[in-house]
Amino acid sequence: MKTINRISLLPMMAFLALTFTFCQGQTGSQKLTADAFEKKLSSTSAKIILDVRTPEEYADGHLANSTLVNFYDSDFKQQINKLDKSKPVFVYCKGGVRSAKAAQALTEAGFKEVYDLQGGYDSWAGAKKPTTRQ
């Protein structure tokens, strides 16, 4: 009887393993700490640094060479669709909530490599990472 139970569990285990593998490969985005984000930024040549905060937040300071696309704009998805999908995208907001939603929108739009700054600009600035106002 124990053998029958084990055998009947095999299809279910295989299904769960395949489902887990499939879902893991679908995410397309990685949440990185400020240190890991900085390291990945510096080792990636062709990239997009995407700030999804408001223009007022951006004016108070941002990462160098970043592009501002306000997450709250009604045409946010249309704006990100204009970006080069072949380049890795490094996305951040103020605290990490908007960038997580933006990272999901980016992967849904077809971006293959998306890096989300954990804790957002606040964690970056708090770690004394370089910022600019230009």
N, C-alpha and C. Protein backbone atom coordinates (compact mmCIF):
# COMPACT_ATOMS: atom_id res chain seq x y z
N MET A 1 0.81 -1.19 0.00
CA MET A 1 0.00 0.00 0.00
C MET A 1 0.86 1.26 0.00
N LYS A 2 1.95 1.24 0.73
CA LYS A 2 2.84 2.39 0.75
C LYS A 2 3.43 2.66 -0.62
N THR A 3 3.73 1.61 -1.38
CA THR A 3 4.27 1.77 -2.73
C THR A 3 3.27 2.46 -3.63
N ILE A 4 2.03 2.14 -3.55
CA ILE A 4 0.99 2.77 -4.37
C ILE A 4 0.90 4.25 -4.04
N ASN A 5 0.96 4.61 -2.78
CA ASN A 5 0.90 6.01 -2.38
C ASN A 5 2.09 6.80 -2.94
N ARG A 6 3.27 6.21 -2.86
CA ARG A 6 4.46 6.88 -3.39
C ARG A 6 4.36 7.06 -4.90
N ILE A 7 3.92 6.03 -5.58
CA ILE A 7 3.78 6.09 -7.03
C ILE A 7 2.74 7.13 -7.42
N SER A 8 1.64 7.19 -6.70
CA SER A 8 0.60 8.17 -7.04
C SER A 8 1.06 9.60 -6.75
N LEU A 9 2.04 9.77 -5.90
CA LEU A 9 2.56 11.10 -5.59
C LEU A 9 3.55 11.60 -6.66
N LEU A 10 4.14 10.70 -7.40
CA LEU A 10 5.14 11.09 -8.40
C LEU A 10 4.61 12.08 -9.43
N PRO A 11 3.44 11.86 -10.04
CA PRO A 11 2.94 12.86 -11.00
C PRO A 11 2.74 14.23 -10.36
N MET A 12 2.23 14.25 -9.14
CA MET A 12 2.00 15.53 -8.45
C MET A 12 3.33 16.23 -8.17
N MET A 13 4.34 15.48 -7.76
CA MET A 13 5.65 16.07 -7.48
C MET A 13 6.27 16.61 -8.77
N ALA A 14 6.14 15.88 -9.85
CA ALA A 14 6.67 16.33 -11.13
C ALA A 14 5.97 17.62 -11.57
N PHE A 15 4.65 17.66 -11.41
CA PHE A 15 3.89 18.86 -11.77
C PHE A 15 4.35 20.06 -10.95
N LEU A 16 4.52 19.88 -9.66
CA LEU A 16 4.96 20.98 -8.80
C LEU A 16 6.37 21.44 -9.17
N ALA A 17 7.25 20.52 -9.47
CA ALA A 17 8.61 20.88 -9.86
C ALA A 17 8.62 21.69 -11.16
N LEU A 18 7.84 21.25 -12.13
CA LEU A 18 7.75 21.98 -13.40
C LEU A 18 7.12 23.36 -13.21
N THR A 19 6.08 23.44 -12.41
CA THR A 19 5.42 24.71 -12.14
C THR A 19 6.39 25.67 -11.47
N PHE A 20 7.13 25.19 -10.48
CA PHE A 20 8.10 26.03 -9.78
C PHE A 20 9.17 26.53 -10.73
N THR A 21 9.70 25.65 -11.55
CA THR A 21 10.73 26.03 -12.52
C THR A 21 10.19 27.03 -13.53
N PHE A 22 9.00 26.80 -14.04
CA PHE A 22 8.41 27.69 -15.02
C PHE A 22 8.19 29.08 -14.41
N CYS A 23 7.65 29.13 -13.22
CA CYS A 23 7.37 30.43 -12.59
C CYS A 23 8.66 31.16 -12.24
N GLN A 24 9.69 30.45 -11.82
CA GLN A 24 10.96 31.09 -11.50
C GLN A 24 11.54 31.76 -12.74
N GLY A 25 11.43 31.15 -13.88
CA GLY A 25 11.98 31.69 -15.11
C GLY A 25 11.19 32.85 -15.68
N GLN A 26 9.98 33.06 -15.19
CA GLN A 26 9.11 34.08 -15.73
C GLN A 26 9.33 35.46 -15.14
N THR A 27 9.89 35.56 -13.97
CA THR A 27 9.93 36.83 -13.26
C THR A 27 10.61 37.91 -14.06
N GLY A 28 11.80 37.67 -14.57
CA GLY A 28 12.47 38.66 -15.39
C GLY A 28 13.05 39.83 -14.63
N SER A 29 12.77 39.95 -13.34
CA SER A 29 13.34 41.05 -12.57
C SER A 29 13.97 40.53 -11.29
N GLN A 30 14.96 41.28 -10.84
CA GLN A 30 15.65 40.93 -9.60
C GLN A 30 15.67 42.15 -8.70
N LYS A 31 15.37 41.94 -7.44
CA LYS A 31 15.46 43.01 -6.45
C LYS A 31 16.88 42.97 -5.88
N LEU A 32 17.58 44.10 -5.94
CA LEU A 32 18.97 44.17 -5.47
C LEU A 32 19.13 45.22 -4.38
N THR A 33 20.00 44.92 -3.42
CA THR A 33 20.35 45.90 -2.40
C THR A 33 21.11 47.05 -3.07
N ALA A 34 21.29 48.13 -2.35
CA ALA A 34 22.01 49.28 -2.91
C ALA A 34 23.42 48.88 -3.35
N ASP A 35 24.11 48.09 -2.55
CA ASP A 35 25.48 47.66 -2.91
C ASP A 35 25.47 46.80 -4.17
N ALA A 36 24.57 45.83 -4.23
CA ALA A 36 24.50 44.95 -5.39
C ALA A 36 24.04 45.71 -6.64
N PHE A 37 23.11 46.66 -6.46
CA PHE A 37 22.62 47.49 -7.55
C PHE A 37 23.77 48.32 -8.12
N GLU A 38 24.56 48.93 -7.23
CA GLU A 38 25.71 49.74 -7.66
C GLU A 38 26.74 48.89 -8.40
N LYS A 39 27.01 47.71 -7.88
CA LYS A 39 27.99 46.81 -8.51
C LYS A 39 27.52 46.39 -9.90
N LYS A 40 26.25 46.02 -10.01
CA LYS A 40 25.69 45.59 -11.30
C LYS A 40 25.66 46.76 -12.28
N LEU A 41 25.31 47.95 -11.80
CA LEU A 41 25.31 49.15 -12.64
C LEU A 41 26.70 49.39 -13.24
N SER A 42 27.72 49.33 -12.38
CA SER A 42 29.07 49.64 -12.84
C SER A 42 29.63 48.57 -13.78
N SER A 43 29.12 47.36 -13.71
CA SER A 43 29.64 46.28 -14.58
C SER A 43 28.82 46.10 -15.85
N THR A 44 27.79 46.92 -16.04
CA THR A 44 26.92 46.81 -17.22
C THR A 44 27.13 48.04 -18.09
N SER A 45 27.55 47.84 -19.33
CA SER A 45 27.86 48.99 -20.19
C SER A 45 26.62 49.62 -20.80
N ALA A 46 25.90 48.92 -21.62
CA ALA A 46 24.70 49.48 -22.27
C ALA A 46 23.51 49.19 -21.37
N LYS A 47 22.92 50.23 -20.80
CA LYS A 47 21.84 50.03 -19.83
C LYS A 47 20.91 51.23 -19.81
N ILE A 48 19.76 51.04 -19.18
CA ILE A 48 18.80 52.12 -18.93
C ILE A 48 18.65 52.23 -17.42
N ILE A 49 18.84 53.43 -16.89
CA ILE A 49 18.60 53.69 -15.48
C ILE A 49 17.28 54.45 -15.42
N LEU A 50 16.27 53.82 -14.86
CA LEU A 50 14.92 54.36 -14.91
C LEU A 50 14.44 54.80 -13.54
N ASP A 51 14.20 56.10 -13.40
CA ASP A 51 13.65 56.69 -12.18
C ASP A 51 12.15 56.84 -12.39
N VAL A 52 11.36 56.19 -11.56
CA VAL A 52 9.90 56.23 -11.74
C VAL A 52 9.21 57.12 -10.71
N ARG A 53 9.96 58.04 -10.13
CA ARG A 53 9.38 58.98 -9.16
C ARG A 53 8.74 60.17 -9.87
N THR A 54 8.25 61.10 -9.10
CA THR A 54 7.66 62.31 -9.65
C THR A 54 8.76 63.29 -10.06
N PRO A 55 8.46 64.25 -10.92
CA PRO A 55 9.47 65.24 -11.29
C PRO A 55 10.02 66.01 -10.08
N GLU A 56 9.18 66.26 -9.09
CA GLU A 56 9.64 66.97 -7.88
C GLU A 56 10.65 66.12 -7.11
N GLU A 57 10.37 64.84 -6.97
CA GLU A 57 11.31 63.94 -6.29
C GLU A 57 12.62 63.86 -7.07
N TYR A 58 12.52 63.76 -8.37
CA TYR A 58 13.70 63.68 -9.24
C TYR A 58 14.57 64.92 -9.09
N ALA A 59 13.95 66.10 -9.02
CA ALA A 59 14.69 67.35 -8.89
C ALA A 59 15.47 67.43 -7.59
N ASP A 60 15.00 66.74 -6.55
CA ASP A 60 15.70 66.75 -5.26
C ASP A 60 16.96 65.89 -5.27
N GLY A 61 17.17 65.10 -6.30
CA GLY A 61 18.34 64.25 -6.42
C GLY A 61 17.98 62.94 -7.09
N HIS A 62 18.91 62.42 -7.88
CA HIS A 62 18.67 61.17 -8.62
C HIS A 62 20.01 60.53 -8.97
N LEU A 63 19.96 59.34 -9.51
CA LEU A 63 21.16 58.66 -9.98
C LEU A 63 21.60 59.29 -11.30
N ALA A 64 22.89 59.42 -11.48
CA ALA A 64 23.44 60.00 -12.71
C ALA A 64 22.99 59.20 -13.92
N ASN A 65 22.72 59.90 -15.00
CA ASN A 65 22.33 59.31 -16.28
C ASN A 65 20.99 58.58 -16.23
N SER A 66 20.16 58.91 -15.25
CA SER A 66 18.85 58.26 -15.18
C SER A 66 17.83 58.98 -16.04
N THR A 67 16.85 58.20 -16.46
CA THR A 67 15.73 58.72 -17.25
C THR A 67 14.51 58.75 -16.36
N LEU A 68 13.81 59.87 -16.35
CA LEU A 68 12.61 60.01 -15.53
C LEU A 68 11.38 59.61 -16.33
N VAL A 69 10.64 58.65 -15.82
CA VAL A 69 9.32 58.29 -16.35
C VAL A 69 8.43 58.14 -15.12
N ASN A 70 7.61 59.15 -14.88
CA ASN A 70 6.76 59.19 -13.69
C ASN A 70 5.78 58.02 -13.70
N PHE A 71 5.86 57.19 -12.67
CA PHE A 71 4.98 56.03 -12.56
C PHE A 71 3.51 56.43 -12.54
N TYR A 72 3.22 57.61 -12.01
CA TYR A 72 1.84 58.07 -11.89
C TYR A 72 1.28 58.67 -13.18
N ASP A 73 2.10 58.85 -14.20
CA ASP A 73 1.59 59.38 -15.47
C ASP A 73 0.62 58.37 -16.09
N SER A 74 -0.45 58.89 -16.66
CA SER A 74 -1.46 58.00 -17.26
C SER A 74 -0.91 57.20 -18.44
N ASP A 75 0.14 57.70 -19.07
CA ASP A 75 0.73 56.99 -20.20
C ASP A 75 2.04 56.29 -19.84
N PHE A 76 2.19 55.92 -18.57
CA PHE A 76 3.42 55.28 -18.10
C PHE A 76 3.79 54.07 -18.95
N LYS A 77 2.83 53.19 -19.21
CA LYS A 77 3.13 51.98 -19.98
C LYS A 77 3.53 52.30 -21.41
N GLN A 78 2.93 53.31 -22.00
CA GLN A 78 3.30 53.72 -23.36
C GLN A 78 4.73 54.28 -23.37
N GLN A 79 5.08 55.03 -22.31
CA GLN A 79 6.43 55.59 -22.22
C GLN A 79 7.49 54.50 -22.08
N ILE A 80 7.23 53.50 -21.26
CA ILE A 80 8.25 52.45 -21.10
C ILE A 80 8.34 51.59 -22.36
N ASN A 81 7.27 51.49 -23.12
CA ASN A 81 7.32 50.73 -24.36
C ASN A 81 8.19 51.39 -25.42
N LYS A 82 8.52 52.66 -25.25
CA LYS A 82 9.39 53.37 -26.18
C LYS A 82 10.87 53.11 -25.88
N LEU A 83 11.17 52.51 -24.73
CA LEU A 83 12.55 52.24 -24.34
C LEU A 83 13.07 51.00 -25.07
N ASP A 84 14.39 50.90 -25.16
CA ASP A 84 15.05 49.79 -25.85
C ASP A 84 14.96 48.52 -25.01
N LYS A 85 14.17 47.57 -25.44
CA LYS A 85 13.95 46.33 -24.69
C LYS A 85 15.17 45.41 -24.68
N SER A 86 16.14 45.69 -25.52
CA SER A 86 17.33 44.83 -25.55
C SER A 86 18.34 45.20 -24.46
N LYS A 87 18.14 46.34 -23.81
CA LYS A 87 19.07 46.78 -22.77
C LYS A 87 18.55 46.42 -21.38
N PRO A 88 19.47 46.11 -20.47
CA PRO A 88 19.06 45.90 -19.08
C PRO A 88 18.51 47.20 -18.50
N VAL A 89 17.48 47.08 -17.65
CA VAL A 89 16.88 48.25 -17.03
C VAL A 89 17.11 48.19 -15.52
N PHE A 90 17.61 49.29 -14.98
CA PHE A 90 17.82 49.46 -13.54
C PHE A 90 16.77 50.46 -13.08
N VAL A 91 15.78 49.99 -12.32
CA VAL A 91 14.64 50.84 -11.97
C VAL A 91 14.64 51.13 -10.47
N TYR A 92 14.25 52.37 -10.13
CA TYR A 92 14.13 52.74 -8.72
C TYR A 92 13.07 53.82 -8.54
N CYS A 93 12.57 53.91 -7.31
CA CYS A 93 11.63 54.96 -6.93
C CYS A 93 12.12 55.50 -5.58
N LYS A 94 11.25 56.03 -4.79
CA LYS A 94 11.66 56.58 -3.49
C LYS A 94 11.92 55.50 -2.46
N GLY A 95 10.97 54.58 -2.28
CA GLY A 95 11.10 53.58 -1.23
C GLY A 95 11.01 52.14 -1.68
N GLY A 96 10.69 51.90 -2.94
CA GLY A 96 10.67 50.54 -3.47
C GLY A 96 9.32 50.02 -3.92
N VAL A 97 8.23 50.68 -3.55
CA VAL A 97 6.90 50.18 -3.91
C VAL A 97 6.61 50.43 -5.39
N ARG A 98 6.78 51.66 -5.85
CA ARG A 98 6.51 51.96 -7.26
C ARG A 98 7.45 51.22 -8.18
N SER A 99 8.73 51.10 -7.79
CA SER A 99 9.68 50.42 -8.67
C SER A 99 9.35 48.93 -8.79
N ALA A 100 8.81 48.32 -7.75
CA ALA A 100 8.39 46.91 -7.84
C ALA A 100 7.27 46.77 -8.85
N LYS A 101 6.31 47.69 -8.80
CA LYS A 101 5.21 47.67 -9.77
C LYS A 101 5.72 47.98 -11.18
N ALA A 102 6.67 48.92 -11.27
CA ALA A 102 7.25 49.26 -12.57
C ALA A 102 8.05 48.09 -13.12
N ALA A 103 8.79 47.38 -12.27
CA ALA A 103 9.55 46.21 -12.71
C ALA A 103 8.62 45.16 -13.29
N GLN A 104 7.48 44.98 -12.66
CA GLN A 104 6.50 44.02 -13.19
C GLN A 104 5.98 44.49 -14.55
N ALA A 105 5.68 45.78 -14.67
CA ALA A 105 5.21 46.33 -15.95
C ALA A 105 6.27 46.19 -17.03
N LEU A 106 7.53 46.38 -16.66
CA LEU A 106 8.63 46.25 -17.62
C LEU A 106 8.76 44.82 -18.12
N THR A 107 8.68 43.85 -17.22
CA THR A 107 8.79 42.45 -17.65
C THR A 107 7.58 42.07 -18.51
N GLU A 108 6.41 42.57 -18.14
CA GLU A 108 5.21 42.30 -18.95
C GLU A 108 5.32 42.94 -20.33
N ALA A 109 6.06 44.05 -20.42
CA ALA A 109 6.25 44.74 -21.70
C ALA A 109 7.32 44.08 -22.57
N GLY A 110 8.02 43.08 -22.02
CA GLY A 110 8.99 42.35 -22.82
C GLY A 110 10.45 42.60 -22.49
N PHE A 111 10.73 43.36 -21.45
CA PHE A 111 12.12 43.57 -21.03
C PHE A 111 12.60 42.29 -20.37
N LYS A 112 13.78 41.84 -20.76
CA LYS A 112 14.28 40.55 -20.29
C LYS A 112 15.12 40.67 -19.03
N GLU A 113 15.76 41.82 -18.83
CA GLU A 113 16.68 42.00 -17.72
C GLU A 113 16.29 43.28 -16.96
N VAL A 114 15.68 43.11 -15.80
CA VAL A 114 15.20 44.24 -14.99
C VAL A 114 15.74 44.09 -13.58
N TYR A 115 16.37 45.16 -13.08
CA TYR A 115 16.92 45.18 -11.73
C TYR A 115 16.21 46.27 -10.94
N ASP A 116 15.64 45.90 -9.82
CA ASP A 116 14.85 46.80 -8.98
C ASP A 116 15.64 47.11 -7.71
N LEU A 117 15.85 48.40 -7.43
CA LEU A 117 16.60 48.83 -6.26
C LEU A 117 15.76 48.65 -5.00
N GLN A 118 16.15 47.70 -4.17
CA GLN A 118 15.45 47.42 -2.92
C GLN A 118 15.55 48.63 -1.99
N GLY A 119 14.42 49.13 -1.53
CA GLY A 119 14.42 50.28 -0.65
C GLY A 119 14.49 51.61 -1.38
N GLY A 120 14.61 51.54 -2.70
CA GLY A 120 14.57 52.73 -3.55
C GLY A 120 15.69 53.73 -3.32
N TYR A 121 15.41 54.96 -3.77
CA TYR A 121 16.38 56.05 -3.67
C TYR A 121 16.76 56.32 -2.21
N ASP A 122 15.82 56.13 -1.30
CA ASP A 122 16.12 56.35 0.12
C ASP A 122 17.24 55.43 0.59
N SER A 123 17.22 54.16 0.18
CA SER A 123 18.28 53.24 0.60
C SER A 123 19.60 53.58 -0.09
N TRP A 124 19.51 54.02 -1.35
CA TRP A 124 20.71 54.41 -2.11
C TRP A 124 21.38 55.61 -1.43
N ALA A 125 20.61 56.66 -1.17
CA ALA A 125 21.16 57.86 -0.54
C ALA A 125 21.61 57.57 0.89
N GLY A 126 20.85 56.73 1.59
CA GLY A 126 21.21 56.35 2.96
C GLY A 126 22.52 55.60 3.03
N ALA A 127 22.86 54.90 1.97
CA ALA A 127 24.13 54.15 1.90
C ALA A 127 25.26 55.03 1.37
N LYS A 128 24.98 56.32 1.21
CA LYS A 128 25.98 57.31 0.74
C LYS A 128 26.49 57.00 -0.66
N LYS A 129 25.59 56.50 -1.51
CA LYS A 129 25.93 56.23 -2.91
C LYS A 129 25.84 57.55 -3.69
N PRO A 130 26.53 57.66 -4.82
CA PRO A 130 26.55 58.93 -5.56
C PRO A 130 25.20 59.31 -6.16
N THR A 131 24.86 60.59 -6.02
CA THR A 131 23.63 61.14 -6.60
C THR A 131 23.97 62.47 -7.29
N THR A 132 23.03 62.97 -8.04
CA THR A 132 23.22 64.25 -8.71
C THR A 132 21.90 65.00 -8.74
N ARG A 133 21.99 66.29 -9.04
CA ARG A 133 20.79 67.11 -9.22
C ARG A 133 20.76 67.70 -10.61
N GLN A 134 21.69 67.28 -11.46
CA GLN A 134 21.77 67.83 -12.82
C GLN A 134 20.93 67.06 -13.78
